[in-house]
Amino acid sequence: YEGRSRQRRDQIVELHRQGLKGYEIARELSISAGLVSIRLKEAR
């Protein structure tokens, strides 16, 4: 679970670096925009 969670966070960070907005990342990964926000905050 933790490995999969880290992998998802890395995907979120990479898509963010590519310029996607939170809701676009959420749609791309089929997750909620809130989870994207949480993972980006954790990464920061």
PDB file of all heavy atoms in Angstrom:
ATOM      1  N   TYR A   1       0.824  -1.201   0.000  1.00  0.00           N
ATOM      2  CA  TYR A   1       0.000   0.000   0.000  1.00  0.00           C
ATOM      3  C   TYR A   1       0.864   1.259   0.000  1.00  0.00           C
ATOM      4  O   TYR A   1       0.634   2.195  -0.780  1.00  0.00           O
ATOM      5  CB  TYR A   1      -0.929   0.014   1.218  1.00  0.00           C
ATOM      6  CG  TYR A   1      -1.577   1.351   1.438  1.00  0.00           C
ATOM      7  CD1 TYR A   1      -2.651   1.756   0.661  1.00  0.00           C
ATOM      8  CD2 TYR A   1      -1.077   2.239   2.386  1.00  0.00           C
ATOM      9  CE1 TYR A   1      -3.229   3.005   0.839  1.00  0.00           C
ATOM     10  CE2 TYR A   1      -1.642   3.481   2.577  1.00  0.00           C
ATOM     11  CZ  TYR A   1      -2.720   3.855   1.795  1.00  0.00           C
ATOM     12  OH  TYR A   1      -3.271   5.101   1.966  1.00  0.00           O
ATOM     13  N   GLU A   2       1.876   1.291   0.853  1.00  0.00           N
ATOM     14  CA  GLU A   2       2.734   2.470   0.939  1.00  0.00           C
ATOM     15  C   GLU A   2       3.511   2.683  -0.352  1.00  0.00           C
ATOM     16  O   GLU A   2       3.696   3.820  -0.788  1.00  0.00           O
ATOM     17  CB  GLU A   2       3.675   2.350   2.133  1.00  0.00           C
ATOM     18  CG  GLU A   2       2.945   2.492   3.455  1.00  0.00           C
ATOM     19  CD  GLU A   2       3.816   2.234   4.662  1.00  0.00           C
ATOM     20  OE1 GLU A   2       4.938   1.694   4.505  1.00  0.00           O
ATOM     21  OE2 GLU A   2       3.367   2.555   5.772  1.00  0.00           O
ATOM     22  N   GLY A   3       3.953   1.604  -0.980  1.00  0.00           N
ATOM     23  CA  GLY A   3       4.652   1.713  -2.257  1.00  0.00           C
ATOM     24  C   GLY A   3       3.750   2.272  -3.340  1.00  0.00           C
ATOM     25  O   GLY A   3       4.153   3.143  -4.122  1.00  0.00           O
ATOM     26  N   ARG A   4       2.514   1.783  -3.378  1.00  0.00           N
ATOM     27  CA  ARG A   4       1.555   2.278  -4.352  1.00  0.00           C
ATOM     28  C   ARG A   4       1.215   3.742  -4.092  1.00  0.00           C
ATOM     29  O   ARG A   4       1.088   4.540  -5.024  1.00  0.00           O
ATOM     30  CB  ARG A   4       0.293   1.414  -4.283  1.00  0.00           C
ATOM     31  CG  ARG A   4      -0.563   1.457  -5.494  1.00  0.00           C
ATOM     32  CD  ARG A   4      -1.638   0.375  -5.486  1.00  0.00           C
ATOM     33  NE  ARG A   4      -2.254   0.114  -4.200  1.00  0.00           N
ATOM     34  CZ  ARG A   4      -3.257   0.824  -3.680  1.00  0.00           C
ATOM     35  NH1 ARG A   4      -3.747   1.847  -4.334  1.00  0.00           N
ATOM     36  NH2 ARG A   4      -3.771   0.493  -2.511  1.00  0.00           N
ATOM     37  N   SER A   5       1.134   4.110  -2.826  1.00  0.00           N
ATOM     38  CA  SER A   5       0.850   5.493  -2.456  1.00  0.00           C
ATOM     39  C   SER A   5       1.981   6.425  -2.890  1.00  0.00           C
ATOM     40  O   SER A   5       1.742   7.511  -3.429  1.00  0.00           O
ATOM     41  CB  SER A   5       0.637   5.592  -0.947  1.00  0.00           C
ATOM     42  OG  SER A   5       0.373   6.910  -0.560  1.00  0.00           O
ATOM     43  N   ARG A   6       3.228   5.999  -2.674  1.00  0.00           N
ATOM     44  CA  ARG A   6       4.388   6.799  -3.109  1.00  0.00           C
ATOM     45  C   ARG A   6       4.398   6.951  -4.625  1.00  0.00           C
ATOM     46  O   ARG A   6       4.692   8.030  -5.152  1.00  0.00           O
ATOM     47  CB  ARG A   6       5.688   6.155  -2.637  1.00  0.00           C
ATOM     48  CG  ARG A   6       6.090   6.531  -1.232  1.00  0.00           C
ATOM     49  CD  ARG A   6       7.499   6.071  -0.896  1.00  0.00           C
ATOM     50  NE  ARG A   6       7.673   4.632  -1.046  1.00  0.00           N
ATOM     51  CZ  ARG A   6       7.369   3.735  -0.118  1.00  0.00           C
ATOM     52  NH1 ARG A   6       6.876   4.127   1.037  1.00  0.00           N
ATOM     53  NH2 ARG A   6       7.563   2.451  -0.332  1.00  0.00           N
ATOM     54  N   GLN A   7       4.089   5.873  -5.318  1.00  0.00           N
ATOM     55  CA  GLN A   7       4.062   5.915  -6.778  1.00  0.00           C
ATOM     56  C   GLN A   7       2.997   6.904  -7.265  1.00  0.00           C
ATOM     57  O   GLN A   7       3.243   7.697  -8.171  1.00  0.00           O
ATOM     58  CB  GLN A   7       3.779   4.524  -7.331  1.00  0.00           C
ATOM     59  CG  GLN A   7       3.803   4.461  -8.836  1.00  0.00           C
ATOM     60  CD  GLN A   7       3.511   3.057  -9.347  1.00  0.00           C
ATOM     61  OE1 GLN A   7       2.910   2.238  -8.655  1.00  0.00           O
ATOM     62  NE2 GLN A   7       3.942   2.786 -10.554  1.00  0.00           N
ATOM     63  N   ARG A   8       1.831   6.886  -6.647  1.00  0.00           N
ATOM     64  CA  ARG A   8       0.768   7.812  -7.027  1.00  0.00           C
ATOM     65  C   ARG A   8       1.203   9.246  -6.743  1.00  0.00           C
ATOM     66  O   ARG A   8       0.994  10.136  -7.548  1.00  0.00           O
ATOM     67  CB  ARG A   8      -0.512   7.488  -6.274  1.00  0.00           C
ATOM     68  CG  ARG A   8      -1.528   8.582  -6.450  1.00  0.00           C
ATOM     69  CD  ARG A   8      -2.909   8.284  -6.842  1.00  0.00           C
ATOM     70  NE  ARG A   8      -3.164   7.173  -7.675  1.00  0.00           N
ATOM     71  CZ  ARG A   8      -4.128   6.292  -7.470  1.00  0.00           C
ATOM     72  NH1 ARG A   8      -4.907   6.400  -6.425  1.00  0.00           N
ATOM     73  NH2 ARG A   8      -4.342   5.322  -8.303  1.00  0.00           N
ATOM     74  N   ARG A   9       1.854   9.490  -5.573  1.00  0.00           N
ATOM     75  CA  ARG A   9       2.320  10.844  -5.265  1.00  0.00           C
ATOM     76  C   ARG A   9       3.328  11.305  -6.310  1.00  0.00           C
ATOM     77  O   ARG A   9       3.281  12.441  -6.776  1.00  0.00           O
ATOM     78  CB  ARG A   9       2.943  10.924  -3.873  1.00  0.00           C
ATOM     79  CG  ARG A   9       3.309  12.375  -3.504  1.00  0.00           C
ATOM     80  CD  ARG A   9       4.052  12.480  -2.221  1.00  0.00           C
ATOM     81  NE  ARG A   9       5.409  11.985  -2.416  1.00  0.00           N
ATOM     82  CZ  ARG A   9       6.321  11.935  -1.469  1.00  0.00           C
ATOM     83  NH1 ARG A   9       6.046  12.324  -0.255  1.00  0.00           N
ATOM     84  NH2 ARG A   9       7.519  11.484  -1.717  1.00  0.00           N
ATOM     85  N   ASP A  10       4.221  10.413  -6.717  1.00  0.00           N
ATOM     86  CA  ASP A  10       5.203  10.759  -7.747  1.00  0.00           C
ATOM     87  C   ASP A  10       4.525  11.102  -9.067  1.00  0.00           C
ATOM     88  O   ASP A  10       4.935  12.039  -9.756  1.00  0.00           O
ATOM     89  CB  ASP A  10       6.203   9.615  -7.947  1.00  0.00           C
ATOM     90  CG  ASP A  10       7.100   9.393  -6.730  1.00  0.00           C
ATOM     91  OD1 ASP A  10       7.155  10.279  -5.852  1.00  0.00           O
ATOM     92  OD2 ASP A  10       7.727   8.319  -6.666  1.00  0.00           O
ATOM     93  N   GLN A  11       3.464  10.367  -9.412  1.00  0.00           N
ATOM     94  CA  GLN A  11       2.717  10.668 -10.637  1.00  0.00           C
ATOM     95  C   GLN A  11       2.069  12.043 -10.529  1.00  0.00           C
ATOM     96  O   GLN A  11       2.102  12.822 -11.486  1.00  0.00           O
ATOM     97  CB  GLN A  11       1.616   9.625 -10.865  1.00  0.00           C
ATOM     98  CG  GLN A  11       2.094   8.277 -11.296  1.00  0.00           C
ATOM     99  CD  GLN A  11       0.926   7.306 -11.411  1.00  0.00           C
ATOM    100  OE1 GLN A  11       0.101   7.215 -10.504  1.00  0.00           O
ATOM    101  NE2 GLN A  11       0.861   6.598 -12.517  1.00  0.00           N
ATOM    102  N   ILE A  12       1.480  12.331  -9.382  1.00  0.00           N
ATOM    103  CA  ILE A  12       0.823  13.621  -9.172  1.00  0.00           C
ATOM    104  C   ILE A  12       1.836  14.753  -9.299  1.00  0.00           C
ATOM    105  O   ILE A  12       1.588  15.747  -9.982  1.00  0.00           O
ATOM    106  CB  ILE A  12       0.121  13.653  -7.795  1.00  0.00           C
ATOM    107  CG1 ILE A  12      -1.083  12.707  -7.811  1.00  0.00           C
ATOM    108  CG2 ILE A  12      -0.292  15.071  -7.411  1.00  0.00           C
ATOM    109  CD1 ILE A  12      -1.694  12.451  -6.435  1.00  0.00           C
ATOM    110  N   VAL A  13       2.988  14.592  -8.658  1.00  0.00           N
ATOM    111  CA  VAL A  13       4.027  15.624  -8.712  1.00  0.00           C
ATOM    112  C   VAL A  13       4.496  15.826 -10.155  1.00  0.00           C
ATOM    113  O   VAL A  13       4.638  16.964 -10.619  1.00  0.00           O
ATOM    114  CB  VAL A  13       5.205  15.268  -7.779  1.00  0.00           C
ATOM    115  CG1 VAL A  13       6.411  16.154  -8.041  1.00  0.00           C
ATOM    116  CG2 VAL A  13       4.777  15.371  -6.322  1.00  0.00           C
ATOM    117  N   GLU A  14       4.719  14.749 -10.878  1.00  0.00           N
ATOM    118  CA  GLU A  14       5.188  14.856 -12.260  1.00  0.00           C
ATOM    119  C   GLU A  14       4.164  15.572 -13.140  1.00  0.00           C
ATOM    120  O   GLU A  14       4.520  16.450 -13.926  1.00  0.00           O
ATOM    121  CB  GLU A  14       5.501  13.468 -12.822  1.00  0.00           C
ATOM    122  CG  GLU A  14       6.038  13.497 -14.239  1.00  0.00           C
ATOM    123  CD  GLU A  14       7.322  14.305 -14.420  1.00  0.00           C
ATOM    124  OE1 GLU A  14       8.112  14.405 -13.465  1.00  0.00           O
ATOM    125  OE2 GLU A  14       7.517  14.846 -15.530  1.00  0.00           O
ATOM    126  N   LEU A  15       2.905  15.219 -13.010  1.00  0.00           N
ATOM    127  CA  LEU A  15       1.870  15.883 -13.804  1.00  0.00           C
ATOM    128  C   LEU A  15       1.763  17.359 -13.423  1.00  0.00           C
ATOM    129  O   LEU A  15       1.557  18.218 -14.284  1.00  0.00           O
ATOM    130  CB  LEU A  15       0.531  15.171 -13.642  1.00  0.00           C
ATOM    131  CG  LEU A  15       0.462  13.776 -14.266  1.00  0.00           C
ATOM    132  CD1 LEU A  15      -0.829  13.065 -13.860  1.00  0.00           C
ATOM    133  CD2 LEU A  15       0.600  13.840 -15.780  1.00  0.00           C
ATOM    134  N   HIS A  16       1.928  17.661 -12.145  1.00  0.00           N
ATOM    135  CA  HIS A  16       1.921  19.057 -11.690  1.00  0.00           C
ATOM    136  C   HIS A  16       3.084  19.824 -12.329  1.00  0.00           C
ATOM    137  O   HIS A  16       2.906  20.943 -12.818  1.00  0.00           O
ATOM    138  CB  HIS A  16       2.021  19.109 -10.163  1.00  0.00           C
ATOM    139  CG  HIS A  16       2.142  20.486  -9.620  1.00  0.00           C
ATOM    140  ND1 HIS A  16       1.071  21.337  -9.499  1.00  0.00           N
ATOM    141  CD2 HIS A  16       3.223  21.173  -9.154  1.00  0.00           C
ATOM    142  CE1 HIS A  16       1.488  22.480  -8.994  1.00  0.00           C
ATOM    143  NE2 HIS A  16       2.791  22.402  -8.775  1.00  0.00           N
ATOM    144  N   ARG A  17       4.253  19.211 -12.344  1.00  0.00           N
ATOM    145  CA  ARG A  17       5.429  19.859 -12.951  1.00  0.00           C
ATOM    146  C   ARG A  17       5.224  20.100 -14.442  1.00  0.00           C
ATOM    147  O   ARG A  17       5.783  21.033 -15.007  1.00  0.00           O
ATOM    148  CB  ARG A  17       6.668  19.005 -12.744  1.00  0.00           C
ATOM    149  CG  ARG A  17       7.189  18.999 -11.330  1.00  0.00           C
ATOM    150  CD  ARG A  17       8.325  18.041 -11.165  1.00  0.00           C
ATOM    151  NE  ARG A  17       8.867  18.064  -9.819  1.00  0.00           N
ATOM    152  CZ  ARG A  17       9.573  17.076  -9.303  1.00  0.00           C
ATOM    153  NH1 ARG A  17       9.838  15.996 -10.007  1.00  0.00           N
ATOM    154  NH2 ARG A  17      10.025  17.177  -8.068  1.00  0.00           N
ATOM    155  N   GLN A  18       4.448  19.234 -15.082  1.00  0.00           N
ATOM    156  CA  GLN A  18       4.172  19.389 -16.512  1.00  0.00           C
ATOM    157  C   GLN A  18       3.156  20.491 -16.786  1.00  0.00           C
ATOM    158  O   GLN A  18       2.904  20.832 -17.930  1.00  0.00           O
ATOM    159  CB  GLN A  18       3.660  18.068 -17.097  1.00  0.00           C
ATOM    160  CG  GLN A  18       4.724  17.000 -17.150  1.00  0.00           C
ATOM    161  CD  GLN A  18       4.180  15.661 -17.606  1.00  0.00           C
ATOM    162  OE1 GLN A  18       3.105  15.567 -18.189  1.00  0.00           O
ATOM    163  NE2 GLN A  18       4.930  14.608 -17.331  1.00  0.00           N
ATOM    164  N   GLY A  19       2.563  21.039 -15.718  1.00  0.00           N
ATOM    165  CA  GLY A  19       1.674  22.184 -15.868  1.00  0.00           C
ATOM    166  C   GLY A  19       0.197  21.875 -15.724  1.00  0.00           C
ATOM    167  O   GLY A  19      -0.631  22.768 -15.890  1.00  0.00           O
ATOM    168  N   LEU A  20      -0.176  20.642 -15.427  1.00  0.00           N
ATOM    169  CA  LEU A  20      -1.583  20.322 -15.259  1.00  0.00           C
ATOM    170  C   LEU A  20      -2.111  20.921 -13.968  1.00  0.00           C
ATOM    171  O   LEU A  20      -1.400  21.013 -12.972  1.00  0.00           O
ATOM    172  CB  LEU A  20      -1.799  18.804 -15.233  1.00  0.00           C
ATOM    173  CG  LEU A  20      -2.003  18.119 -16.579  1.00  0.00           C
ATOM    174  CD1 LEU A  20      -0.733  18.156 -17.411  1.00  0.00           C
ATOM    175  CD2 LEU A  20      -2.473  16.704 -16.392  1.00  0.00           C
ATOM    176  N   LYS A  21      -3.362  21.322 -14.002  1.00  0.00           N
ATOM    177  CA  LYS A  21      -4.034  21.834 -12.817  1.00  0.00           C
ATOM    178  C   LYS A  21      -4.525  20.656 -11.985  1.00  0.00           C
ATOM    179  O   LYS A  21      -4.619  19.532 -12.470  1.00  0.00           O
ATOM    180  CB  LYS A  21      -5.218  22.700 -13.235  1.00  0.00           C
ATOM    181  CG  LYS A  21      -4.805  23.945 -13.995  1.00  0.00           C
ATOM    182  CD  LYS A  21      -6.037  24.741 -14.362  1.00  0.00           C
ATOM    183  CE  LYS A  21      -5.827  25.983 -15.153  1.00  0.00           C
ATOM    184  NZ  LYS A  21      -4.617  26.579 -15.345  1.00  0.00           N
ATOM    185  N   GLY A  22      -4.861  20.916 -10.726  1.00  0.00           N
ATOM    186  CA  GLY A  22      -5.283  19.861  -9.814  1.00  0.00           C
ATOM    187  C   GLY A  22      -6.427  19.022 -10.346  1.00  0.00           C
ATOM    188  O   GLY A  22      -6.406  17.794 -10.289  1.00  0.00           O
ATOM    189  N   TYR A  23      -7.470  19.688 -10.878  1.00  0.00           N
ATOM    190  CA  TYR A  23      -8.617  18.933 -11.376  1.00  0.00           C
ATOM    191  C   TYR A  23      -8.259  18.122 -12.618  1.00  0.00           C
ATOM    192  O   TYR A  23      -8.828  17.048 -12.846  1.00  0.00           O
ATOM    193  CB  TYR A  23      -9.818  19.850 -11.638  1.00  0.00           C
ATOM    194  CG  TYR A  23      -9.667  20.776 -12.821  1.00  0.00           C
ATOM    195  CD1 TYR A  23     -10.052  20.375 -14.093  1.00  0.00           C
ATOM    196  CD2 TYR A  23      -9.150  22.053 -12.670  1.00  0.00           C
ATOM    197  CE1 TYR A  23      -9.925  21.222 -15.184  1.00  0.00           C
ATOM    198  CE2 TYR A  23      -9.013  22.900 -13.738  1.00  0.00           C
ATOM    199  CZ  TYR A  23      -9.399  22.488 -15.001  1.00  0.00           C
ATOM    200  OH  TYR A  23      -9.263  23.322 -16.087  1.00  0.00           O
ATOM    201  N   GLU A  24      -7.287  18.587 -13.404  1.00  0.00           N
ATOM    202  CA  GLU A  24      -6.836  17.825 -14.569  1.00  0.00           C
ATOM    203  C   GLU A  24      -6.058  16.579 -14.143  1.00  0.00           C
ATOM    204  O   GLU A  24      -6.212  15.507 -14.737  1.00  0.00           O
ATOM    205  CB  GLU A  24      -5.978  18.705 -15.477  1.00  0.00           C
ATOM    206  CG  GLU A  24      -6.737  19.857 -16.093  1.00  0.00           C
ATOM    207  CD  GLU A  24      -5.844  20.870 -16.784  1.00  0.00           C
ATOM    208  OE1 GLU A  24      -4.714  21.110 -16.304  1.00  0.00           O
ATOM    209  OE2 GLU A  24      -6.287  21.422 -17.805  1.00  0.00           O
ATOM    210  N   ILE A  25      -5.235  16.736 -13.128  1.00  0.00           N
ATOM    211  CA  ILE A  25      -4.482  15.590 -12.587  1.00  0.00           C
ATOM    212  C   ILE A  25      -5.469  14.565 -12.029  1.00  0.00           C
ATOM    213  O   ILE A  25      -5.341  13.362 -12.275  1.00  0.00           O
ATOM    214  CB  ILE A  25      -3.501  16.049 -11.493  1.00  0.00           C
ATOM    215  CG1 ILE A  25      -2.431  16.968 -12.082  1.00  0.00           C
ATOM    216  CG2 ILE A  25      -2.868  14.848 -10.796  1.00  0.00           C
ATOM    217  CD1 ILE A  25      -1.568  17.668 -11.053  1.00  0.00           C
ATOM    218  N   ALA A  26      -6.463  15.047 -11.293  1.00  0.00           N
ATOM    219  CA  ALA A  26      -7.470  14.161 -10.712  1.00  0.00           C
ATOM    220  C   ALA A  26      -8.184  13.367 -11.801  1.00  0.00           C
ATOM    221  O   ALA A  26      -8.356  12.145 -11.685  1.00  0.00           O
ATOM    222  CB  ALA A  26      -8.474  14.969  -9.898  1.00  0.00           C
ATOM    223  N   ARG A  27      -8.562  14.035 -12.851  1.00  0.00           N
ATOM    224  CA  ARG A  27      -9.257  13.359 -13.954  1.00  0.00           C
ATOM    225  C   ARG A  27      -8.338  12.341 -14.615  1.00  0.00           C
ATOM    226  O   ARG A  27      -8.751  11.226 -14.914  1.00  0.00           O
ATOM    227  CB  ARG A  27      -9.728  14.390 -14.974  1.00  0.00           C
ATOM    228  CG  ARG A  27     -10.654  13.799 -16.014  1.00  0.00           C
ATOM    229  CD  ARG A  27     -11.188  14.814 -17.005  1.00  0.00           C
ATOM    230  NE  ARG A  27     -11.530  16.084 -16.395  1.00  0.00           N
ATOM    231  CZ  ARG A  27     -11.233  17.271 -16.915  1.00  0.00           C
ATOM    232  NH1 ARG A  27     -10.594  17.355 -18.067  1.00  0.00           N
ATOM    233  NH2 ARG A  27     -11.579  18.381 -16.310  1.00  0.00           N
ATOM    234  N   GLU A  28      -7.087  12.711 -14.834  1.00  0.00           N
ATOM    235  CA  GLU A  28      -6.115  11.833 -15.493  1.00  0.00           C
ATOM    236  C   GLU A  28      -5.885  10.546 -14.687  1.00  0.00           C
ATOM    237  O   GLU A  28      -5.760   9.466 -15.265  1.00  0.00           O
ATOM    238  CB  GLU A  28      -4.792  12.585 -15.655  1.00  0.00           C
ATOM    239  CG  GLU A  28      -3.672  11.801 -16.254  1.00  0.00           C
ATOM    240  CD  GLU A  28      -3.781  11.634 -17.758  1.00  0.00           C
ATOM    241  OE1 GLU A  28      -4.470  12.442 -18.408  1.00  0.00           O
ATOM    242  OE2 GLU A  28      -3.172  10.680 -18.263  1.00  0.00           O
ATOM    243  N   LEU A  29      -5.840  10.663 -13.369  1.00  0.00           N
ATOM    244  CA  LEU A  29      -5.530   9.517 -12.511  1.00  0.00           C
ATOM    245  C   LEU A  29      -6.773   8.871 -11.884  1.00  0.00           C
ATOM    246  O   LEU A  29      -6.652   7.929 -11.103  1.00  0.00           O
ATOM    247  CB  LEU A  29      -4.561   9.941 -11.401  1.00  0.00           C
ATOM    248  CG  LEU A  29      -3.206  10.474 -11.873  1.00  0.00           C
ATOM    249  CD1 LEU A  29      -2.362  10.910 -10.690  1.00  0.00           C
ATOM    250  CD2 LEU A  29      -2.473   9.434 -12.706  1.00  0.00           C
ATOM    251  N   SER A  30      -7.945   9.406 -12.214  1.00  0.00           N
ATOM    252  CA  SER A  30      -9.219   8.893 -11.670  1.00  0.00           C
ATOM    253  C   SER A  30      -9.231   8.920 -10.140  1.00  0.00           C
ATOM    254  O   SER A  30      -9.563   7.938  -9.477  1.00  0.00           O
ATOM    255  CB  SER A  30      -9.492   7.476 -12.173  1.00  0.00           C
ATOM    256  OG  SER A  30      -9.604   7.453 -13.568  1.00  0.00           O
ATOM    257  N   ILE A  31      -8.846  10.076  -9.595  1.00  0.00           N
ATOM    258  CA  ILE A  31      -8.881  10.292  -8.152  1.00  0.00           C
ATOM    259  C   ILE A  31      -9.558  11.632  -7.897  1.00  0.00           C
ATOM    260  O   ILE A  31      -9.852  12.375  -8.834  1.00  0.00           O
ATOM    261  CB  ILE A  31      -7.465  10.266  -7.524  1.00  0.00           C
ATOM    262  CG1 ILE A  31      -6.569  11.330  -8.168  1.00  0.00           C
ATOM    263  CG2 ILE A  31      -6.851   8.885  -7.654  1.00  0.00           C
ATOM    264  CD1 ILE A  31      -5.183  11.423  -7.554  1.00  0.00           C
ATOM    265  N   SER A  32      -9.783  11.967  -6.658  1.00  0.00           N
ATOM    266  CA  SER A  32     -10.436  13.233  -6.346  1.00  0.00           C
ATOM    267  C   SER A  32      -9.428  14.389  -6.385  1.00  0.00           C
ATOM    268  O   SER A  32      -8.229  14.201  -6.147  1.00  0.00           O
ATOM    269  CB  SER A  32     -11.088  13.176  -4.966  1.00  0.00           C
ATOM    270  OG  SER A  32     -10.110  13.187  -3.953  1.00  0.00           O
ATOM    271  N   ALA A  33      -9.949  15.574  -6.672  1.00  0.00           N
ATOM    272  CA  ALA A  33      -9.106  16.768  -6.672  1.00  0.00           C
ATOM    273  C   ALA A  33      -8.573  17.034  -5.263  1.00  0.00           C
ATOM    274  O   ALA A  33      -7.456  17.536  -5.094  1.00  0.00           O
ATOM    275  CB  ALA A  33      -9.890  17.969  -7.188  1.00  0.00           C
ATOM    276  N   GLY A  34      -9.352  16.674  -4.252  1.00  0.00           N
ATOM    277  CA  GLY A  34      -8.906  16.838  -2.869  1.00  0.00           C
ATOM    278  C   GLY A  34      -7.678  15.994  -2.564  1.00  0.00           C
ATOM    279  O   GLY A  34      -6.761  16.445  -1.882  1.00  0.00           O
ATOM    280  N   LEU A  35      -7.646  14.765  -3.080  1.00  0.00           N
ATOM    281  CA  LEU A  35      -6.485  13.899  -2.860  1.00  0.00           C
ATOM    282  C   LEU A  35      -5.257  14.476  -3.558  1.00  0.00           C
ATOM    283  O   LEU A  35      -4.151  14.442  -3.009  1.00  0.00           O
ATOM    284  CB  LEU A  35      -6.757  12.479  -3.365  1.00  0.00           C
ATOM    285  CG  LEU A  35      -5.621  11.484  -3.165  1.00  0.00           C
ATOM    286  CD1 LEU A  35      -5.246  11.358  -1.694  1.00  0.00           C
ATOM    287  CD2 LEU A  35      -5.999  10.134  -3.740  1.00  0.00           C
ATOM    288  N   VAL A  36      -5.451  15.041  -4.735  1.00  0.00           N
ATOM    289  CA  VAL A  36      -4.334  15.682  -5.439  1.00  0.00           C
ATOM    290  C   VAL A  36      -3.769  16.796  -4.576  1.00  0.00           C
ATOM    291  O   VAL A  36      -2.557  16.894  -4.377  1.00  0.00           O
ATOM    292  CB  VAL A  36      -4.782  16.231  -6.817  1.00  0.00           C
ATOM    293  CG1 VAL A  36      -3.686  17.084  -7.445  1.00  0.00           C
ATOM    294  CG2 VAL A  36      -5.187  15.091  -7.743  1.00  0.00           C
ATOM    295  N   SER A  37      -4.645  17.619  -4.032  1.00  0.00           N
ATOM    296  CA  SER A  37      -4.221  18.733  -3.188  1.00  0.00           C
ATOM    297  C   SER A  37      -3.458  18.238  -1.963  1.00  0.00           C
ATOM    298  O   SER A  37      -2.400  18.788  -1.618  1.00  0.00           O
ATOM    299  CB  SER A  37      -5.451  19.533  -2.756  1.00  0.00           C
ATOM    300  OG  SER A  37      -5.088  20.576  -1.898  1.00  0.00           O
ATOM    301  N   ILE A  38      -3.962  17.202  -1.326  1.00  0.00           N
ATOM    302  CA  ILE A  38      -3.304  16.650  -0.140  1.00  0.00           C
ATOM    303  C   ILE A  38      -1.916  16.132  -0.486  1.00  0.00           C
ATOM    304  O   ILE A  38      -0.941  16.396   0.227  1.00  0.00           O
ATOM    305  CB  ILE A  38      -4.161  15.529   0.481  1.00  0.00           C
ATOM    306  CG1 ILE A  38      -5.416  16.125   1.120  1.00  0.00           C
ATOM    307  CG2 ILE A  38      -3.365  14.717   1.498  1.00  0.00           C
ATOM    308  CD1 ILE A  38      -6.473  15.085   1.479  1.00  0.00           C
ATOM    309  N   ARG A  39      -1.805  15.384  -1.579  1.00  0.00           N
ATOM    310  CA  ARG A  39      -0.513  14.800  -1.958  1.00  0.00           C
ATOM    311  C   ARG A  39       0.496  15.882  -2.348  1.00  0.00           C
ATOM    312  O   ARG A  39       1.690  15.765  -2.042  1.00  0.00           O
ATOM    313  CB  ARG A  39      -0.675  13.797  -3.094  1.00  0.00           C
ATOM    314  CG  ARG A  39      -1.463  12.564  -2.715  1.00  0.00           C
ATOM    315  CD  ARG A  39      -0.756  11.763  -1.624  1.00  0.00           C
ATOM    316  NE  ARG A  39      -1.548  10.622  -1.231  1.00  0.00           N
ATOM    317  CZ  ARG A  39      -2.139  10.488  -0.045  1.00  0.00           C
ATOM    318  NH1 ARG A  39      -1.973  11.404   0.880  1.00  0.00           N
ATOM    319  NH2 ARG A  39      -2.862   9.427   0.224  1.00  0.00           N
ATOM    320  N   LEU A  40       0.048  16.939  -3.010  1.00  0.00           N
ATOM    321  CA  LEU A  40       0.960  18.034  -3.354  1.00  0.00           C
ATOM    322  C   LEU A  40       1.419  18.761  -2.090  1.00  0.00           C
ATOM    323  O   LEU A  40       2.593  19.128  -1.971  1.00  0.00           O
ATOM    324  CB  LEU A  40       0.295  19.009  -4.324  1.00  0.00           C
ATOM    325  CG  LEU A  40       0.119  18.489  -5.750  1.00  0.00           C
ATOM    326  CD1 LEU A  40      -0.698  19.482  -6.576  1.00  0.00           C
ATOM    327  CD2 LEU A  40       1.458  18.199  -6.413  1.00  0.00           C
ATOM    328  N   LYS A  41       0.520  18.928  -1.137  1.00  0.00           N
ATOM    329  CA  LYS A  41       0.894  19.555   0.134  1.00  0.00           C
ATOM    330  C   LYS A  41       1.933  18.696   0.854  1.00  0.00           C
ATOM    331  O   LYS A  41       2.932  19.209   1.372  1.00  0.00           O
ATOM    332  CB  LYS A  41      -0.336  19.745   1.009  1.00  0.00           C
ATOM    333  CG  LYS A  41      -0.034  20.395   2.333  1.00  0.00           C
ATOM    334  CD  LYS A  41      -1.263  20.539   3.186  1.00  0.00           C
ATOM    335  CE  LYS A  41      -0.860  21.146   4.523  1.00  0.00           C
ATOM    336  NZ  LYS A  41      -1.857  20.917   5.545  1.00  0.00           N
ATOM    337  N   GLU A  42       1.711  17.383   0.889  1.00  0.00           N
ATOM    338  CA  GLU A  42       2.665  16.480   1.527  1.00  0.00           C
ATOM    339  C   GLU A  42       4.024  16.538   0.834  1.00  0.00           C
ATOM    340  O   GLU A  42       5.066  16.517   1.484  1.00  0.00           O
ATOM    341  CB  GLU A  42       2.138  15.039   1.490  1.00  0.00           C
ATOM    342  CG  GLU A  42       0.965  14.798   2.395  1.00  0.00           C
ATOM    343  CD  GLU A  42       0.324  13.434   2.204  1.00  0.00           C
ATOM    344  OE1 GLU A  42       0.685  12.693   1.265  1.00  0.00           O
ATOM    345  OE2 GLU A  42      -0.554  13.108   3.019  1.00  0.00           O
ATOM    346  N   ALA A  43       4.005  16.626  -0.496  1.00  0.00           N
ATOM    347  CA  ALA A  43       5.254  16.696  -1.253  1.00  0.00           C
ATOM    348  C   ALA A  43       6.013  17.977  -0.908  1.00  0.00           C
ATOM    349  O   ALA A  43       7.230  17.959  -0.710  1.00  0.00           O
ATOM    350  CB  ALA A  43       4.961  16.627  -2.755  1.00  0.00           C
ATOM    351  N   ARG A  44       5.282  19.095  -0.824  1.00  0.00           N
ATOM    352  CA  ARG A  44       5.915  20.366  -0.443  1.00  0.00           C
ATOM    353  C   ARG A  44       6.540  20.265   0.948  1.00  0.00           C
ATOM    354  O   ARG A  44       7.674  20.690   1.167  1.00  0.00           O
ATOM    355  CB  ARG A  44       4.883  21.501  -0.431  1.00  0.00           C
ATOM    356  CG  ARG A  44       4.679  22.164  -1.735  1.00  0.00           C
ATOM    357  CD  ARG A  44       3.755  23.380  -1.629  1.00  0.00           C
ATOM    358  NE  ARG A  44       3.047  23.540  -2.869  1.00  0.00           N
ATOM    359  CZ  ARG A  44       1.838  23.046  -3.138  1.00  0.00           C
ATOM    360  NH1 ARG A  44       1.161  22.410  -2.213  1.00  0.00           N
ATOM    361  NH2 ARG A  44       1.289  23.213  -4.312  1.00  0.00           N
TER     362      ARG A  44
END
